[in-house]
Amino acid sequence: RLFEREPQGPVPGICNKCVRKGRSTDQNNLYWLTLSRICDATGLYPKPYLLHEELLLATGNYRMQVSLSGEVRKVPNSTSFNKMPHDEFCKYFDAAERVLAEHGIDVAEVMQGEPA
């Protein structure tokens, strides 16, 4: 529950999710920084957006879509500010952390710069 933790030092602009109702750019930046550090630490994905898409699928945040050829496939949902409000985003990130933990990746350790 990364967004509920007390920061170790001052973190300007990041609010506790119980207080803030809308998503902030700081929260969004923290999410992408987290994905970037996980990519760097693990080498599993070459780009954060690829890990992002995989986490959306793994957490059930997708819709089914039929291609022109009739193939049914999963398409990740958007996490844009107007598509996923703050509370929903926090639930998604919690679920993503659980998925990462199931694969041996400790988000807190990665964010502290320790090996995944």
PDB file of N, CA and C in Angstrom:
ATOM      1  N   ARG A   1       0.845  -1.167   0.000  1.00  0.00           N
ATOM      2  CA  ARG A   1       0.000   0.000   0.000  1.00  0.00           C
ATOM      3  C   ARG A   1       0.892   1.232   0.000  1.00  0.00           C
ATOM      4  N   LEU A   2       1.601   1.394  -1.055  1.00  0.00           N
ATOM      5  CA  LEU A   2       2.611   2.426  -1.186  1.00  0.00           C
ATOM      6  C   LEU A   2       2.069   3.820  -0.914  1.00  0.00           C
ATOM      7  N   PHE A   3       0.843   4.117  -1.305  1.00  0.00           N
ATOM      8  CA  PHE A   3       0.323   5.474  -1.182  1.00  0.00           C
ATOM      9  C   PHE A   3      -0.197   5.772   0.215  1.00  0.00           C
ATOM     10  N   GLU A   4      -0.252   4.780   1.095  1.00  0.00           N
ATOM     11  CA  GLU A   4      -0.694   5.017   2.458  1.00  0.00           C
ATOM     12  C   GLU A   4       0.482   5.117   3.420  1.00  0.00           C
ATOM     13  N   ARG A   5       1.666   4.758   2.984  1.00  0.00           N
ATOM     14  CA  ARG A   5       2.830   4.760   3.856  1.00  0.00           C
ATOM     15  C   ARG A   5       3.259   6.179   4.188  1.00  0.00           C
ATOM     16  N   GLU A   6       3.791   6.313   5.405  1.00  0.00           N
ATOM     17  CA  GLU A   6       4.373   7.590   5.787  1.00  0.00           C
ATOM     18  C   GLU A   6       5.702   7.719   5.064  1.00  0.00           C
ATOM     19  N   PRO A   7       5.957   8.845   4.423  1.00  0.00           N
ATOM     20  CA  PRO A   7       7.236   9.022   3.746  1.00  0.00           C
ATOM     21  C   PRO A   7       8.377   9.064   4.759  1.00  0.00           C
ATOM     22  N   GLN A   8       9.562   8.628   4.353  1.00  0.00           N
ATOM     23  CA  GLN A   8      10.749   8.651   5.201  1.00  0.00           C
ATOM     24  C   GLN A   8      11.286  10.073   5.357  1.00  0.00           C
ATOM     25  N   GLY A   9      10.939  10.924   4.456  1.00  0.00           N
ATOM     26  CA  GLY A   9      11.330  12.324   4.492  1.00  0.00           C
ATOM     27  C   GLY A   9      10.266  13.128   3.788  1.00  0.00           C
ATOM     28  N   PRO A  10      10.459  14.419   3.662  1.00  0.00           N
ATOM     29  CA  PRO A  10       9.435  15.221   2.985  1.00  0.00           C
ATOM     30  C   PRO A  10       9.309  14.842   1.510  1.00  0.00           C
ATOM     31  N   VAL A  11       8.073  14.629   1.087  1.00  0.00           N
ATOM     32  CA  VAL A  11       7.779  14.328  -0.312  1.00  0.00           C
ATOM     33  C   VAL A  11       6.750  15.348  -0.765  1.00  0.00           C
ATOM     34  N   PRO A  12       7.189  16.466  -1.346  1.00  0.00           N
ATOM     35  CA  PRO A  12       6.257  17.531  -1.721  1.00  0.00           C
ATOM     36  C   PRO A  12       5.187  17.044  -2.693  1.00  0.00           C
ATOM     37  N   GLY A  13       3.943  17.368  -2.389  1.00  0.00           N
ATOM     38  CA  GLY A  13       2.847  17.113  -3.317  1.00  0.00           C
ATOM     39  C   GLY A  13       2.215  15.740  -3.233  1.00  0.00           C
ATOM     40  N   ILE A  14       2.826  14.792  -2.508  1.00  0.00           N
ATOM     41  CA  ILE A  14       2.209  13.470  -2.405  1.00  0.00           C
ATOM     42  C   ILE A  14       1.386  13.441  -1.130  1.00  0.00           C
ATOM     43  N   CYS A  15       0.089  13.197  -1.288  1.00  0.00           N
ATOM     44  CA  CYS A  15      -0.833  13.222  -0.163  1.00  0.00           C
ATOM     45  C   CYS A  15      -1.247  11.807   0.212  1.00  0.00           C
ATOM     46  N   ASN A  16      -1.606  11.622   1.447  1.00  0.00           N
ATOM     47  CA  ASN A  16      -2.152  10.356   1.901  1.00  0.00           C
ATOM     48  C   ASN A  16      -3.468  10.115   1.180  1.00  0.00           C
ATOM     49  N   LYS A  17      -3.715   8.895   0.721  1.00  0.00           N
ATOM     50  CA  LYS A  17      -4.900   8.648  -0.092  1.00  0.00           C
ATOM     51  C   LYS A  17      -6.203   8.809   0.677  1.00  0.00           C
ATOM     52  N   CYS A  18      -6.127   8.810   1.996  1.00  0.00           N
ATOM     53  CA  CYS A  18      -7.348   9.020   2.776  1.00  0.00           C
ATOM     54  C   CYS A  18      -7.770  10.487   2.756  1.00  0.00           C
ATOM     55  N   VAL A  19      -6.845  11.371   2.489  1.00  0.00           N
ATOM     56  CA  VAL A  19      -7.128  12.802   2.474  1.00  0.00           C
ATOM     57  C   VAL A  19      -7.449  13.274   1.068  1.00  0.00           C
ATOM     58  N   ARG A  20      -6.643  12.881   0.109  1.00  0.00           N
ATOM     59  CA  ARG A  20      -6.799  13.354  -1.262  1.00  0.00           C
ATOM     60  C   ARG A  20      -7.894  12.565  -1.953  1.00  0.00           C
ATOM     61  N   LYS A  21      -8.765  13.256  -2.657  1.00  0.00           N
ATOM     62  CA  LYS A  21      -9.854  12.608  -3.387  1.00  0.00           C
ATOM     63  C   LYS A  21      -9.529  12.436  -4.861  1.00  0.00           C
ATOM     64  N   GLY A  22      -8.799  13.369  -5.450  1.00  0.00           N
ATOM     65  CA  GLY A  22      -8.450  13.276  -6.857  1.00  0.00           C
ATOM     66  C   GLY A  22      -7.006  12.837  -7.012  1.00  0.00           C
ATOM     67  N   ARG A  23      -6.694  12.232  -8.148  1.00  0.00           N
ATOM     68  CA  ARG A  23      -5.325  11.821  -8.409  1.00  0.00           C
ATOM     69  C   ARG A  23      -4.460  13.038  -8.680  1.00  0.00           C
ATOM     70  N   SER A  24      -3.209  12.902  -8.329  1.00  0.00           N
ATOM     71  CA  SER A  24      -2.266  13.985  -8.566  1.00  0.00           C
ATOM     72  C   SER A  24      -1.231  13.543  -9.590  1.00  0.00           C
ATOM     73  N   THR A  25      -0.585  14.518 -10.179  1.00  0.00           N
ATOM     74  CA  THR A  25       0.508  14.181 -11.089  1.00  0.00           C
ATOM     75  C   THR A  25       1.651  13.541 -10.311  1.00  0.00           C
ATOM     76  N   ASP A  26       1.829  13.923  -9.052  1.00  0.00           N
ATOM     77  CA  ASP A  26       2.873  13.309  -8.234  1.00  0.00           C
ATOM     78  C   ASP A  26       2.605  11.814  -8.035  1.00  0.00           C
ATOM     79  N   GLN A  27       1.354  11.471  -7.788  1.00  0.00           N
ATOM     80  CA  GLN A  27       0.993  10.061  -7.630  1.00  0.00           C
ATOM     81  C   GLN A  27       1.260   9.311  -8.934  1.00  0.00           C
ATOM     82  N   ASN A  28       0.874   9.901 -10.035  1.00  0.00           N
ATOM     83  CA  ASN A  28       1.095   9.279 -11.336  1.00  0.00           C
ATOM     84  C   ASN A  28       2.595   9.132 -11.625  1.00  0.00           C
ATOM     85  N   ASN A  29       3.364  10.179 -11.312  1.00  0.00           N
ATOM     86  CA  ASN A  29       4.808  10.127 -11.509  1.00  0.00           C
ATOM     87  C   ASN A  29       5.447   9.043 -10.643  1.00  0.00           C
ATOM     88  N   LEU A  30       4.972   8.886  -9.419  1.00  0.00           N
ATOM     89  CA  LEU A  30       5.493   7.861  -8.524  1.00  0.00           C
ATOM     90  C   LEU A  30       5.222   6.463  -9.088  1.00  0.00           C
ATOM     91  N   TYR A  31       4.045   6.260  -9.639  1.00  0.00           N
ATOM     92  CA  TYR A  31       3.700   4.973 -10.249  1.00  0.00           C
ATOM     93  C   TYR A  31       4.675   4.641 -11.383  1.00  0.00           C
ATOM     94  N   TRP A  32       4.885   5.593 -12.280  1.00  0.00           N
ATOM     95  CA  TRP A  32       5.768   5.337 -13.425  1.00  0.00           C
ATOM     96  C   TRP A  32       7.227   5.209 -12.998  1.00  0.00           C
ATOM     97  N   LEU A  33       7.639   5.932 -11.969  1.00  0.00           N
ATOM     98  CA  LEU A  33       8.986   5.770 -11.425  1.00  0.00           C
ATOM     99  C   LEU A  33       9.144   4.362 -10.859  1.00  0.00           C
ATOM    100  N   THR A  34       8.120   3.894 -10.160  1.00  0.00           N
ATOM    101  CA  THR A  34       8.138   2.541  -9.602  1.00  0.00           C
ATOM    102  C   THR A  34       8.311   1.506 -10.706  1.00  0.00           C
ATOM    103  N   LEU A  35       7.515   1.624 -11.768  1.00  0.00           N
ATOM    104  CA  LEU A  35       7.627   0.673 -12.874  1.00  0.00           C
ATOM    105  C   LEU A  35       8.998   0.741 -13.525  1.00  0.00           C
ATOM    106  N   SER A  36       9.515   1.938 -13.691  1.00  0.00           N
ATOM    107  CA  SER A  36      10.829   2.117 -14.299  1.00  0.00           C
ATOM    108  C   SER A  36      11.914   1.444 -13.464  1.00  0.00           C
ATOM    109  N   ARG A  37      11.857   1.638 -12.166  1.00  0.00           N
ATOM    110  CA  ARG A  37      12.862   1.028 -11.281  1.00  0.00           C
ATOM    111  C   ARG A  37      12.739  -0.498 -11.281  1.00  0.00           C
ATOM    112  N   ILE A  38      11.518  -1.002 -11.345  1.00  0.00           N
ATOM    113  CA  ILE A  38      11.331  -2.455 -11.411  1.00  0.00           C
ATOM    114  C   ILE A  38      11.934  -2.998 -12.704  1.00  0.00           C
ATOM    115  N   CYS A  39      11.699  -2.312 -13.809  1.00  0.00           N
ATOM    116  CA  CYS A  39      12.288  -2.733 -15.092  1.00  0.00           C
ATOM    117  C   CYS A  39      13.809  -2.735 -15.011  1.00  0.00           C
ATOM    118  N   ASP A  40      14.377  -1.675 -14.440  1.00  0.00           N
ATOM    119  CA  ASP A  40      15.830  -1.576 -14.322  1.00  0.00           C
ATOM    120  C   ASP A  40      16.396  -2.654 -13.397  1.00  0.00           C
ATOM    121  N   ALA A  41      15.701  -2.913 -12.286  1.00  0.00           N
ATOM    122  CA  ALA A  41      16.207  -3.855 -11.281  1.00  0.00           C
ATOM    123  C   ALA A  41      16.072  -5.311 -11.720  1.00  0.00           C
ATOM    124  N   THR A  42      15.053  -5.614 -12.501  1.00  0.00           N
ATOM    125  CA  THR A  42      14.782  -7.013 -12.828  1.00  0.00           C
ATOM    126  C   THR A  42      15.158  -7.405 -14.248  1.00  0.00           C
ATOM    127  N   GLY A  43      15.100  -6.451 -15.174  1.00  0.00           N
ATOM    128  CA  GLY A  43      15.353  -6.770 -16.571  1.00  0.00           C
ATOM    129  C   GLY A  43      14.239  -7.562 -17.230  1.00  0.00           C
ATOM    130  N   LEU A  44      13.107  -7.719 -16.541  1.00  0.00           N
ATOM    131  CA  LEU A  44      11.996  -8.516 -17.083  1.00  0.00           C
ATOM    132  C   LEU A  44      11.327  -7.845 -18.275  1.00  0.00           C
ATOM    133  N   TYR A  45      11.240  -6.541 -18.237  1.00  0.00           N
ATOM    134  CA  TYR A  45      10.596  -5.788 -19.314  1.00  0.00           C
ATOM    135  C   TYR A  45      11.529  -4.662 -19.730  1.00  0.00           C
ATOM    136  N   PRO A  46      11.685  -4.452 -21.034  1.00  0.00           N
ATOM    137  CA  PRO A  46      12.601  -3.403 -21.484  1.00  0.00           C
ATOM    138  C   PRO A  46      12.054  -1.986 -21.281  1.00  0.00           C
ATOM    139  N   LYS A  47      10.737  -1.855 -21.189  1.00  0.00           N
ATOM    140  CA  LYS A  47      10.106  -0.535 -21.053  1.00  0.00           C
ATOM    141  C   LYS A  47       9.013  -0.595 -19.985  1.00  0.00           C
ATOM    142  N   PRO A  48       8.874   0.468 -19.180  1.00  0.00           N
ATOM    143  CA  PRO A  48       7.835   0.487 -18.147  1.00  0.00           C
ATOM    144  C   PRO A  48       6.420   0.304 -18.685  1.00  0.00           C
ATOM    145  N   TYR A  49       6.118   0.821 -19.879  1.00  0.00           N
ATOM    146  CA  TYR A  49       4.756   0.697 -20.392  1.00  0.00           C
ATOM    147  C   TYR A  49       4.394  -0.762 -20.669  1.00  0.00           C
ATOM    148  N   LEU A  50       5.381  -1.601 -20.980  1.00  0.00           N
ATOM    149  CA  LEU A  50       5.106  -3.023 -21.194  1.00  0.00           C
ATOM    150  C   LEU A  50       4.769  -3.715 -19.874  1.00  0.00           C
ATOM    151  N   LEU A  51       5.485  -3.367 -18.814  1.00  0.00           N
ATOM    152  CA  LEU A  51       5.154  -3.882 -17.482  1.00  0.00           C
ATOM    153  C   LEU A  51       3.786  -3.373 -17.063  1.00  0.00           C
ATOM    154  N   HIS A  52       3.495  -2.126 -17.335  1.00  0.00           N
ATOM    155  CA  HIS A  52       2.195  -1.518 -17.026  1.00  0.00           C
ATOM    156  C   HIS A  52       1.059  -2.325 -17.672  1.00  0.00           C
ATOM    157  N   GLU A  53       1.197  -2.618 -18.956  1.00  0.00           N
ATOM    158  CA  GLU A  53       0.159  -3.392 -19.650  1.00  0.00           C
ATOM    159  C   GLU A  53       0.009  -4.786 -19.048  1.00  0.00           C
ATOM    160  N   GLU A  54       1.115  -5.423 -18.725  1.00  0.00           N
ATOM    161  CA  GLU A  54       1.061  -6.763 -18.134  1.00  0.00           C
ATOM    162  C   GLU A  54       0.379  -6.735 -16.771  1.00  0.00           C
ATOM    163  N   LEU A  55       0.686  -5.721 -15.967  1.00  0.00           N
ATOM    164  CA  LEU A  55       0.052  -5.608 -14.647  1.00  0.00           C
ATOM    165  C   LEU A  55      -1.444  -5.359 -14.766  1.00  0.00           C
ATOM    166  N   LEU A  56      -1.850  -4.560 -15.728  1.00  0.00           N
ATOM    167  CA  LEU A  56      -3.283  -4.343 -15.943  1.00  0.00           C
ATOM    168  C   LEU A  56      -3.978  -5.655 -16.274  1.00  0.00           C
ATOM    169  N   LEU A  57      -3.385  -6.432 -17.141  1.00  0.00           N
ATOM    170  CA  LEU A  57      -3.974  -7.726 -17.505  1.00  0.00           C
ATOM    171  C   LEU A  57      -3.983  -8.674 -16.312  1.00  0.00           C
ATOM    172  N   ALA A  58      -2.866  -8.731 -15.579  1.00  0.00           N
ATOM    173  CA  ALA A  58      -2.739  -9.658 -14.452  1.00  0.00           C
ATOM    174  C   ALA A  58      -3.671  -9.313 -13.298  1.00  0.00           C
ATOM    175  N   THR A  59      -4.080  -8.051 -13.198  1.00  0.00           N
ATOM    176  CA  THR A  59      -4.979  -7.632 -12.115  1.00  0.00           C
ATOM    177  C   THR A  59      -6.441  -7.591 -12.552  1.00  0.00           C
ATOM    178  N   GLY A  60      -6.706  -8.025 -13.781  1.00  0.00           N
ATOM    179  CA  GLY A  60      -8.090  -8.058 -14.261  1.00  0.00           C
ATOM    180  C   GLY A  60      -8.606  -6.729 -14.766  1.00  0.00           C
ATOM    181  N   ASN A  61      -7.731  -5.775 -14.990  1.00  0.00           N
ATOM    182  CA  ASN A  61      -8.132  -4.461 -15.497  1.00  0.00           C
ATOM    183  C   ASN A  61      -8.034  -4.446 -17.020  1.00  0.00           C
ATOM    184  N   TYR A  62      -8.961  -5.143 -17.634  1.00  0.00           N
ATOM    185  CA  TYR A  62      -8.982  -5.229 -19.092  1.00  0.00           C
ATOM    186  C   TYR A  62     -10.416  -5.377 -19.573  1.00  0.00           C
ATOM    187  N   ARG A  63     -10.575  -5.213 -20.873  1.00  0.00           N
ATOM    188  CA  ARG A  63     -11.868  -5.444 -21.519  1.00  0.00           C
ATOM    189  C   ARG A  63     -11.624  -6.413 -22.666  1.00  0.00           C
ATOM    190  N   MET A  64     -12.650  -7.120 -23.053  1.00  0.00           N
ATOM    191  CA  MET A  64     -12.534  -8.046 -24.174  1.00  0.00           C
ATOM    192  C   MET A  64     -12.872  -7.281 -25.450  1.00  0.00           C
ATOM    193  N   GLN A  65     -12.122  -7.550 -26.497  1.00  0.00           N
ATOM    194  CA  GLN A  65     -12.314  -6.869 -27.776  1.00  0.00           C
ATOM    195  C   GLN A  65     -12.209  -7.901 -28.893  1.00  0.00           C
ATOM    196  N   VAL A  66     -13.034  -7.717 -29.903  1.00  0.00           N
ATOM    197  CA  VAL A  66     -13.010  -8.605 -31.060  1.00  0.00           C
ATOM    198  C   VAL A  66     -12.273  -7.897 -32.193  1.00  0.00           C
ATOM    199  N   SER A  67     -11.275  -8.582 -32.744  1.00  0.00           N
ATOM    200  CA  SER A  67     -10.499  -8.000 -33.846  1.00  0.00           C
ATOM    201  C   SER A  67     -11.284  -8.126 -35.148  1.00  0.00           C
ATOM    202  N   LEU A  68     -10.790  -7.493 -36.182  1.00  0.00           N
ATOM    203  CA  LEU A  68     -11.431  -7.584 -37.492  1.00  0.00           C
ATOM    204  C   LEU A  68     -11.485  -9.020 -38.007  1.00  0.00           C
ATOM    205  N   SER A  69     -10.517  -9.833 -37.589  1.00  0.00           N
ATOM    206  CA  SER A  69     -10.495 -11.235 -38.022  1.00  0.00           C
ATOM    207  C   SER A  69     -11.367 -12.128 -37.146  1.00  0.00           C
ATOM    208  N   GLY A  70     -11.993 -11.543 -36.124  1.00  0.00           N
ATOM    209  CA  GLY A  70     -12.878 -12.315 -35.252  1.00  0.00           C
ATOM    210  C   GLY A  70     -12.206 -12.855 -34.004  1.00  0.00           C
ATOM    211  N   GLU A  71     -10.916 -12.587 -33.855  1.00  0.00           N
ATOM    212  CA  GLU A  71     -10.183 -13.030 -32.667  1.00  0.00           C
ATOM    213  C   GLU A  71     -10.624 -12.206 -31.458  1.00  0.00           C
ATOM    214  N   VAL A  72     -10.917 -12.885 -30.342  1.00  0.00           N
ATOM    215  CA  VAL A  72     -11.275 -12.204 -29.096  1.00  0.00           C
ATOM    216  C   VAL A  72     -10.009 -12.107 -28.264  1.00  0.00           C
ATOM    217  N   ARG A  73      -9.715 -10.894 -27.808  1.00  0.00           N
ATOM    218  CA  ARG A  73      -8.495 -10.698 -27.028  1.00  0.00           C
ATOM    219  C   ARG A  73      -8.745  -9.733 -25.869  1.00  0.00           C
ATOM    220  N   LYS A  74      -7.846  -9.807 -24.896  1.00  0.00           N
ATOM    221  CA  LYS A  74      -7.886  -8.894 -23.750  1.00  0.00           C
ATOM    222  C   LYS A  74      -7.126  -7.620 -24.109  1.00  0.00           C
ATOM    223  N   VAL A  75      -7.743  -6.483 -23.800  1.00  0.00           N
ATOM    224  CA  VAL A  75      -7.117  -5.185 -24.040  1.00  0.00           C
ATOM    225  C   VAL A  75      -7.064  -4.449 -22.697  1.00  0.00           C
ATOM    226  N   PRO A  76      -5.875  -4.025 -22.268  1.00  0.00           N
ATOM    227  CA  PRO A  76      -5.771  -3.332 -20.980  1.00  0.00           C
ATOM    228  C   PRO A  76      -6.629  -2.067 -20.935  1.00  0.00           C
ATOM    229  N   ASN A  77      -7.253  -1.842 -19.775  1.00  0.00           N
ATOM    230  CA  ASN A  77      -8.008  -0.609 -19.560  1.00  0.00           C
ATOM    231  C   ASN A  77      -7.039   0.551 -19.356  1.00  0.00           C
ATOM    232  N   SER A  78      -7.558   1.735 -19.517  1.00  0.00           N
ATOM    233  CA  SER A  78      -6.767   2.943 -19.327  1.00  0.00           C
ATOM    234  C   SER A  78      -6.674   3.293 -17.845  1.00  0.00           C
ATOM    235  N   THR A  79      -5.526   3.829 -17.454  1.00  0.00           N
ATOM    236  CA  THR A  79      -5.370   4.374 -16.110  1.00  0.00           C
ATOM    237  C   THR A  79      -5.292   5.898 -16.149  1.00  0.00           C
ATOM    238  N   SER A  80      -5.721   6.488 -17.254  1.00  0.00           N
ATOM    239  CA  SER A  80      -5.669   7.947 -17.362  1.00  0.00           C
ATOM    240  C   SER A  80      -6.518   8.583 -16.257  1.00  0.00           C
ATOM    241  N   PHE A  81      -6.236   9.823 -15.973  1.00  0.00           N
ATOM    242  CA  PHE A  81      -6.902  10.522 -14.877  1.00  0.00           C
ATOM    243  C   PHE A  81      -8.423  10.516 -15.018  1.00  0.00           C
ATOM    244  N   ASN A  82      -8.929  10.648 -16.225  1.00  0.00           N
ATOM    245  CA  ASN A  82     -10.390  10.698 -16.408  1.00  0.00           C
ATOM    246  C   ASN A  82     -11.015   9.308 -16.513  1.00  0.00           C
ATOM    247  N   LYS A  83     -10.213   8.260 -16.607  1.00  0.00           N
ATOM    248  CA  LYS A  83     -10.751   6.898 -16.707  1.00  0.00           C
ATOM    249  C   LYS A  83     -10.650   6.129 -15.399  1.00  0.00           C
ATOM    250  N   MET A  84      -9.681   6.460 -14.563  1.00  0.00           N
ATOM    251  CA  MET A  84      -9.477   5.738 -13.308  1.00  0.00           C
ATOM    252  C   MET A  84      -9.266   6.747 -12.186  1.00  0.00           C
ATOM    253  N   PRO A  85     -10.290   6.967 -11.365  1.00  0.00           N
ATOM    254  CA  PRO A  85     -10.161   7.925 -10.263  1.00  0.00           C
ATOM    255  C   PRO A  85      -9.172   7.433  -9.200  1.00  0.00           C
ATOM    256  N   HIS A  86      -8.847   8.320  -8.299  1.00  0.00           N
ATOM    257  CA  HIS A  86      -7.826   8.079  -7.278  1.00  0.00           C
ATOM    258  C   HIS A  86      -8.040   6.772  -6.509  1.00  0.00           C
ATOM    259  N   ASP A  87      -9.214   6.588  -5.928  1.00  0.00           N
ATOM    260  CA  ASP A  87      -9.466   5.392  -5.114  1.00  0.00           C
ATOM    261  C   ASP A  87      -9.317   4.118  -5.939  1.00  0.00           C
ATOM    262  N   GLU A  88      -9.816   4.128  -7.144  1.00  0.00           N
ATOM    263  CA  GLU A  88      -9.700   2.964  -8.028  1.00  0.00           C
ATOM    264  C   GLU A  88      -8.234   2.723  -8.395  1.00  0.00           C
ATOM    265  N   PHE A  89      -7.493   3.794  -8.631  1.00  0.00           N
ATOM    266  CA  PHE A  89      -6.072   3.666  -8.956  1.00  0.00           C
ATOM    267  C   PHE A  89      -5.310   3.058  -7.778  1.00  0.00           C
ATOM    268  N   CYS A  90      -5.624   3.490  -6.569  1.00  0.00           N
ATOM    269  CA  CYS A  90      -4.956   2.939  -5.385  1.00  0.00           C
ATOM    270  C   CYS A  90      -5.246   1.449  -5.241  1.00  0.00           C
ATOM    271  N   LYS A  91      -6.486   1.046  -5.479  1.00  0.00           N
ATOM    272  CA  LYS A  91      -6.830  -0.381  -5.436  1.00  0.00           C
ATOM    273  C   LYS A  91      -6.067  -1.149  -6.509  1.00  0.00           C
ATOM    274  N   TYR A  92      -5.976  -0.562  -7.700  1.00  0.00           N
ATOM    275  CA  TYR A  92      -5.222  -1.192  -8.773  1.00  0.00           C
ATOM    276  C   TYR A  92      -3.754  -1.349  -8.378  1.00  0.00           C
ATOM    277  N   PHE A  93      -3.155  -0.293  -7.825  1.00  0.00           N
ATOM    278  CA  PHE A  93      -1.745  -0.375  -7.481  1.00  0.00           C
ATOM    279  C   PHE A  93      -1.503  -1.403  -6.390  1.00  0.00           C
ATOM    280  N   ASP A  94      -2.415  -1.489  -5.411  1.00  0.00           N
ATOM    281  CA  ASP A  94      -2.308  -2.520  -4.377  1.00  0.00           C
ATOM    282  C   ASP A  94      -2.331  -3.911  -5.015  1.00  0.00           C
ATOM    283  N   ALA A  95      -3.249  -4.118  -5.953  1.00  0.00           N
ATOM    284  CA  ALA A  95      -3.349  -5.413  -6.644  1.00  0.00           C
ATOM    285  C   ALA A  95      -2.079  -5.678  -7.459  1.00  0.00           C
ATOM    286  N   ALA A  96      -1.551  -4.648  -8.102  1.00  0.00           N
ATOM    287  CA  ALA A  96      -0.323  -4.799  -8.885  1.00  0.00           C
ATOM    288  C   ALA A  96       0.847  -5.173  -7.981  1.00  0.00           C
ATOM    289  N   GLU A  97       0.911  -4.569  -6.804  1.00  0.00           N
ATOM    290  CA  GLU A  97       1.970  -4.926  -5.847  1.00  0.00           C
ATOM    291  C   GLU A  97       1.867  -6.391  -5.445  1.00  0.00           C
ATOM    292  N   ARG A  98       0.637  -6.891  -5.258  1.00  0.00           N
ATOM    293  CA  ARG A  98       0.453  -8.306  -4.910  1.00  0.00           C
ATOM    294  C   ARG A  98       0.931  -9.212  -6.041  1.00  0.00           C
ATOM    295  N   VAL A  99       0.610  -8.834  -7.277  1.00  0.00           N
ATOM    296  CA  VAL A  99       1.064  -9.617  -8.438  1.00  0.00           C
ATOM    297  C   VAL A  99       2.587  -9.624  -8.490  1.00  0.00           C
ATOM    298  N   LEU A 100       3.196  -8.468  -8.299  1.00  0.00           N
ATOM    299  CA  LEU A 100       4.646  -8.389  -8.316  1.00  0.00           C
ATOM    300  C   LEU A 100       5.254  -9.243  -7.201  1.00  0.00           C
ATOM    301  N   ALA A 101       4.657  -9.199  -6.018  1.00  0.00           N
ATOM    302  CA  ALA A 101       5.148  -9.998  -4.885  1.00  0.00           C
ATOM    303  C   ALA A 101       5.047 -11.494  -5.194  1.00  0.00           C
ATOM    304  N   GLU A 102       3.975 -11.894  -5.870  1.00  0.00           N
ATOM    305  CA  GLU A 102       3.816 -13.301  -6.257  1.00  0.00           C
ATOM    306  C   GLU A 102       4.942 -13.749  -7.186  1.00  0.00           C
ATOM    307  N   HIS A 103       5.570 -12.793  -7.852  1.00  0.00           N
ATOM    308  CA  HIS A 103       6.675 -13.091  -8.764  1.00  0.00           C
ATOM    309  C   HIS A 103       8.030 -12.718  -8.145  1.00  0.00           C
ATOM    310  N   GLY A 104       8.040 -12.557  -6.827  1.00  0.00           N
ATOM    311  CA  GLY A 104       9.289 -12.321  -6.107  1.00  0.00           C
ATOM    312  C   GLY A 104       9.828 -10.919  -6.172  1.00  0.00           C
ATOM    313  N   ILE A 105       9.000  -9.953  -6.533  1.00  0.00           N
ATOM    314  CA  ILE A 105       9.451  -8.559  -6.624  1.00  0.00           C
ATOM    315  C   ILE A 105       8.854  -7.768  -5.466  1.00  0.00           C
ATOM    316  N   ASP A 106       9.709  -7.268  -4.595  1.00  0.00           N
ATOM    317  CA  ASP A 106       9.287  -6.453  -3.462  1.00  0.00           C
ATOM    318  C   ASP A 106       9.414  -4.986  -3.865  1.00  0.00           C
ATOM    319  N   VAL A 107       8.281  -4.335  -4.054  1.00  0.00           N
ATOM    320  CA  VAL A 107       8.268  -2.947  -4.526  1.00  0.00           C
ATOM    321  C   VAL A 107       9.024  -2.028  -3.573  1.00  0.00           C
ATOM    322  N   ALA A 108       8.837  -2.212  -2.278  1.00  0.00           N
ATOM    323  CA  ALA A 108       9.514  -1.349  -1.303  1.00  0.00           C
ATOM    324  C   ALA A 108      11.030  -1.476  -1.426  1.00  0.00           C
ATOM    325  N   GLU A 109      11.517  -2.690  -1.593  1.00  0.00           N
ATOM    326  CA  GLU A 109      12.967  -2.894  -1.751  1.00  0.00           C
ATOM    327  C   GLU A 109      13.485  -2.254  -3.026  1.00  0.00           C
ATOM    328  N   VAL A 110      12.738  -2.434  -4.104  1.00  0.00           N
ATOM    329  CA  VAL A 110      13.154  -1.845  -5.384  1.00  0.00           C
ATOM    330  C   VAL A 110      13.196  -0.325  -5.276  1.00  0.00           C
ATOM    331  N   MET A 111      12.215   0.251  -4.611  1.00  0.00           N
ATOM    332  CA  MET A 111      12.171   1.701  -4.500  1.00  0.00           C
ATOM    333  C   MET A 111      13.278   2.238  -3.587  1.00  0.00           C
ATOM    334  N   GLN A 112      13.807   1.388  -2.706  1.00  0.00           N
ATOM    335  CA  GLN A 112      14.929   1.793  -1.869  1.00  0.00           C
ATOM    336  C   GLN A 112      16.267   1.560  -2.571  1.00  0.00           C
ATOM    337  N   GLY A 113      16.210   1.037  -3.785  1.00  0.00           N
ATOM    338  CA  GLY A 113      17.422   0.826  -4.550  1.00  0.00           C
ATOM    339  C   GLY A 113      18.085  -0.506  -4.311  1.00  0.00           C
ATOM    340  N   GLU A 114      17.412  -1.402  -3.560  1.00  0.00           N
ATOM    341  CA  GLU A 114      17.966  -2.722  -3.306  1.00  0.00           C
ATOM    342  C   GLU A 114      17.583  -3.660  -4.436  1.00  0.00           C
ATOM    343  N   PRO A 115      18.293  -4.751  -4.610  1.00  0.00           N
ATOM    344  CA  PRO A 115      17.951  -5.699  -5.684  1.00  0.00           C
ATOM    345  C   PRO A 115      16.548  -6.264  -5.519  1.00  0.00           C
ATOM    346  N   ALA A 116      15.889  -6.551  -6.653  1.00  0.00           N
ATOM    347  CA  ALA A 116      14.538  -7.126  -6.618  1.00  0.00           C
ATOM    348  C   ALA A 116      14.607  -8.571  -6.192  1.00  0.00           C
TER     349      ALA A 116
END
